[in-house]
Amino acid sequence: MVFVWLAVCIIAVLLELLTPTALISIWFAVGGAIGILTACIALPLWVQITCFVIVSIVSM
C-alpha cells in the first residue's frame, strides 16, 4: 500500500508543477505523505484513507 500512496504523492506534485499559477493539488501530496506514514506502521486501510482525507482538508 505504500507504493499506492507514493504514486498519489508523485501524481499530485506533477499536477502541481503543471499548474504553477495556482495551488491545486499540493494538498493531496501532503495527505499522501501521511498515507505513506500510516501504511509504514501497518494501520488498516480505512485509517490510512481517513488520515489522508483529514490531512488534505486541513492543509487546504
N, C-alpha and C. Protein backbone atom coordinates (compact mmCIF):
# COMPACT_ATOMS: atom_id res chain seq x y z
N MET A 1 0.82 -1.20 0.00
CA MET A 1 0.00 0.00 0.00
C MET A 1 0.86 1.26 0.00
N VAL A 2 2.09 1.13 0.46
CA VAL A 2 2.99 2.29 0.48
C VAL A 2 3.20 2.82 -0.93
N PHE A 3 3.29 1.91 -1.90
CA PHE A 3 3.54 2.35 -3.27
C PHE A 3 2.35 3.10 -3.86
N VAL A 4 1.16 2.76 -3.43
CA VAL A 4 -0.03 3.48 -3.88
C VAL A 4 0.02 4.92 -3.36
N TRP A 5 0.34 5.08 -2.09
CA TRP A 5 0.43 6.43 -1.52
C TRP A 5 1.57 7.21 -2.15
N LEU A 6 2.67 6.53 -2.44
CA LEU A 6 3.79 7.19 -3.12
C LEU A 6 3.36 7.67 -4.51
N ALA A 7 2.59 6.86 -5.22
CA ALA A 7 2.07 7.27 -6.52
C ALA A 7 1.15 8.48 -6.39
N VAL A 8 0.31 8.49 -5.35
CA VAL A 8 -0.57 9.64 -5.12
C VAL A 8 0.26 10.90 -4.91
N CYS A 9 1.31 10.81 -4.13
CA CYS A 9 2.18 11.97 -3.88
C CYS A 9 2.84 12.45 -5.17
N ILE A 10 3.39 11.52 -5.93
CA ILE A 10 4.09 11.89 -7.16
C ILE A 10 3.14 12.52 -8.16
N ILE A 11 1.98 11.92 -8.34
CA ILE A 11 1.00 12.47 -9.29
C ILE A 11 0.53 13.86 -8.85
N ALA A 12 0.29 14.03 -7.56
CA ALA A 12 -0.15 15.34 -7.05
C ALA A 12 0.93 16.40 -7.26
N VAL A 13 2.18 16.05 -7.03
CA VAL A 13 3.27 17.01 -7.23
C VAL A 13 3.43 17.33 -8.71
N LEU A 14 3.33 16.33 -9.56
CA LEU A 14 3.44 16.58 -11.00
C LEU A 14 2.30 17.47 -11.50
N LEU A 15 1.09 17.22 -11.02
CA LEU A 15 -0.03 18.09 -11.39
C LEU A 15 0.20 19.51 -10.91
N GLU A 16 0.77 19.64 -9.73
CA GLU A 16 1.05 20.97 -9.20
C GLU A 16 2.10 21.68 -10.06
N LEU A 17 3.10 20.95 -10.52
CA LEU A 17 4.13 21.55 -11.36
C LEU A 17 3.57 21.97 -12.72
N LEU A 18 2.54 21.29 -13.19
CA LEU A 18 1.93 21.66 -14.47
C LEU A 18 1.02 22.88 -14.36
N THR A 19 0.61 23.22 -13.14
CA THR A 19 -0.24 24.40 -12.92
C THR A 19 0.47 25.34 -11.93
N PRO A 20 1.51 26.04 -12.40
CA PRO A 20 2.32 26.85 -11.48
C PRO A 20 1.63 28.11 -10.95
N THR A 21 0.52 28.52 -11.55
CA THR A 21 -0.10 29.77 -11.13
C THR A 21 -1.03 29.61 -9.93
N ALA A 22 -1.42 28.39 -9.63
CA ALA A 22 -2.37 28.18 -8.53
C ALA A 22 -2.00 26.91 -7.77
N LEU A 23 -2.31 26.93 -6.49
CA LEU A 23 -2.12 25.74 -5.68
C LEU A 23 -3.35 24.85 -5.84
N ILE A 24 -3.20 23.81 -6.62
CA ILE A 24 -4.33 22.95 -6.95
C ILE A 24 -4.26 21.61 -6.21
N SER A 25 -3.12 20.95 -6.29
CA SER A 25 -3.06 19.57 -5.80
C SER A 25 -1.99 19.31 -4.76
N ILE A 26 -1.30 20.32 -4.33
CA ILE A 26 -0.22 20.10 -3.35
C ILE A 26 -0.78 19.56 -2.03
N TRP A 27 -2.03 19.87 -1.75
CA TRP A 27 -2.65 19.41 -0.52
C TRP A 27 -2.77 17.88 -0.50
N PHE A 28 -3.00 17.31 -1.68
CA PHE A 28 -3.11 15.86 -1.77
C PHE A 28 -1.75 15.19 -1.65
N ALA A 29 -0.70 15.89 -2.01
CA ALA A 29 0.65 15.36 -1.81
C ALA A 29 0.97 15.29 -0.32
N VAL A 30 0.54 16.29 0.43
CA VAL A 30 0.73 16.27 1.89
C VAL A 30 -0.08 15.13 2.50
N GLY A 31 -1.31 14.98 2.06
CA GLY A 31 -2.14 13.88 2.54
C GLY A 31 -1.56 12.53 2.16
N GLY A 32 -0.98 12.43 0.97
CA GLY A 32 -0.34 11.20 0.55
C GLY A 32 0.87 10.85 1.39
N ALA A 33 1.60 11.88 1.82
CA ALA A 33 2.75 11.63 2.70
C ALA A 33 2.29 11.04 4.03
N ILE A 34 1.17 11.54 4.53
CA ILE A 34 0.61 10.96 5.75
C ILE A 34 0.12 9.55 5.49
N GLY A 35 -0.42 9.31 4.31
CA GLY A 35 -0.82 7.96 3.92
C GLY A 35 0.36 7.01 3.93
N ILE A 36 1.51 7.47 3.46
CA ILE A 36 2.73 6.66 3.49
C ILE A 36 3.11 6.32 4.92
N LEU A 37 3.07 7.33 5.78
CA LEU A 37 3.43 7.09 7.19
C LEU A 37 2.49 6.10 7.86
N THR A 38 1.21 6.23 7.60
CA THR A 38 0.25 5.31 8.23
C THR A 38 0.39 3.90 7.66
N ALA A 39 0.76 3.79 6.38
CA ALA A 39 0.97 2.47 5.78
C ALA A 39 2.24 1.82 6.34
N CYS A 40 3.25 2.63 6.62
CA CYS A 40 4.50 2.09 7.15
C CYS A 40 4.32 1.51 8.56
N ILE A 41 3.39 2.06 9.31
CA ILE A 41 3.16 1.50 10.65
C ILE A 41 2.00 0.51 10.64
N ALA A 42 1.62 0.08 9.43
CA ALA A 42 0.66 -1.01 9.21
C ALA A 42 -0.71 -0.77 9.84
N LEU A 43 -1.20 0.46 9.70
CA LEU A 43 -2.56 0.73 10.13
C LEU A 43 -3.53 0.23 9.07
N PRO A 44 -4.76 -0.06 9.45
CA PRO A 44 -5.74 -0.55 8.46
C PRO A 44 -5.99 0.47 7.36
N LEU A 45 -6.47 -0.02 6.23
CA LEU A 45 -6.70 0.84 5.07
C LEU A 45 -7.68 1.96 5.37
N TRP A 46 -8.72 1.68 6.14
CA TRP A 46 -9.70 2.72 6.43
C TRP A 46 -9.07 3.85 7.25
N VAL A 47 -8.11 3.52 8.11
CA VAL A 47 -7.41 4.56 8.88
C VAL A 47 -6.51 5.38 7.96
N GLN A 48 -5.85 4.71 7.03
CA GLN A 48 -4.99 5.42 6.07
C GLN A 48 -5.80 6.41 5.24
N ILE A 49 -6.94 5.95 4.74
CA ILE A 49 -7.78 6.81 3.91
C ILE A 49 -8.34 7.97 4.73
N THR A 50 -8.77 7.68 5.96
CA THR A 50 -9.30 8.73 6.83
C THR A 50 -8.24 9.78 7.12
N CYS A 51 -7.02 9.34 7.43
CA CYS A 51 -5.93 10.29 7.70
C CYS A 51 -5.61 11.11 6.45
N PHE A 52 -5.62 10.47 5.28
CA PHE A 52 -5.37 11.18 4.03
C PHE A 52 -6.40 12.28 3.81
N VAL A 53 -7.67 11.95 3.99
CA VAL A 53 -8.74 12.91 3.76
C VAL A 53 -8.66 14.06 4.76
N ILE A 54 -8.49 13.73 6.03
CA ILE A 54 -8.45 14.77 7.07
C ILE A 54 -7.26 15.71 6.86
N VAL A 55 -6.08 15.15 6.61
CA VAL A 55 -4.89 15.98 6.43
C VAL A 55 -4.99 16.82 5.16
N SER A 56 -5.55 16.26 4.10
CA SER A 56 -5.72 17.03 2.87
C SER A 56 -6.68 18.20 3.08
N ILE A 57 -7.76 17.97 3.79
CA ILE A 57 -8.73 19.04 4.05
C ILE A 57 -8.12 20.10 4.96
N VAL A 58 -7.45 19.68 6.00
CA VAL A 58 -6.83 20.64 6.94
C VAL A 58 -5.74 21.44 6.25
N SER A 59 -5.01 20.81 5.34
CA SER A 59 -3.94 21.51 4.61
C SER A 59 -4.48 22.63 3.72
N MET A 60 -5.70 22.44 3.23
CA MET A 60 -6.29 23.48 2.38
C MET A 60 -6.49 24.74 3.18
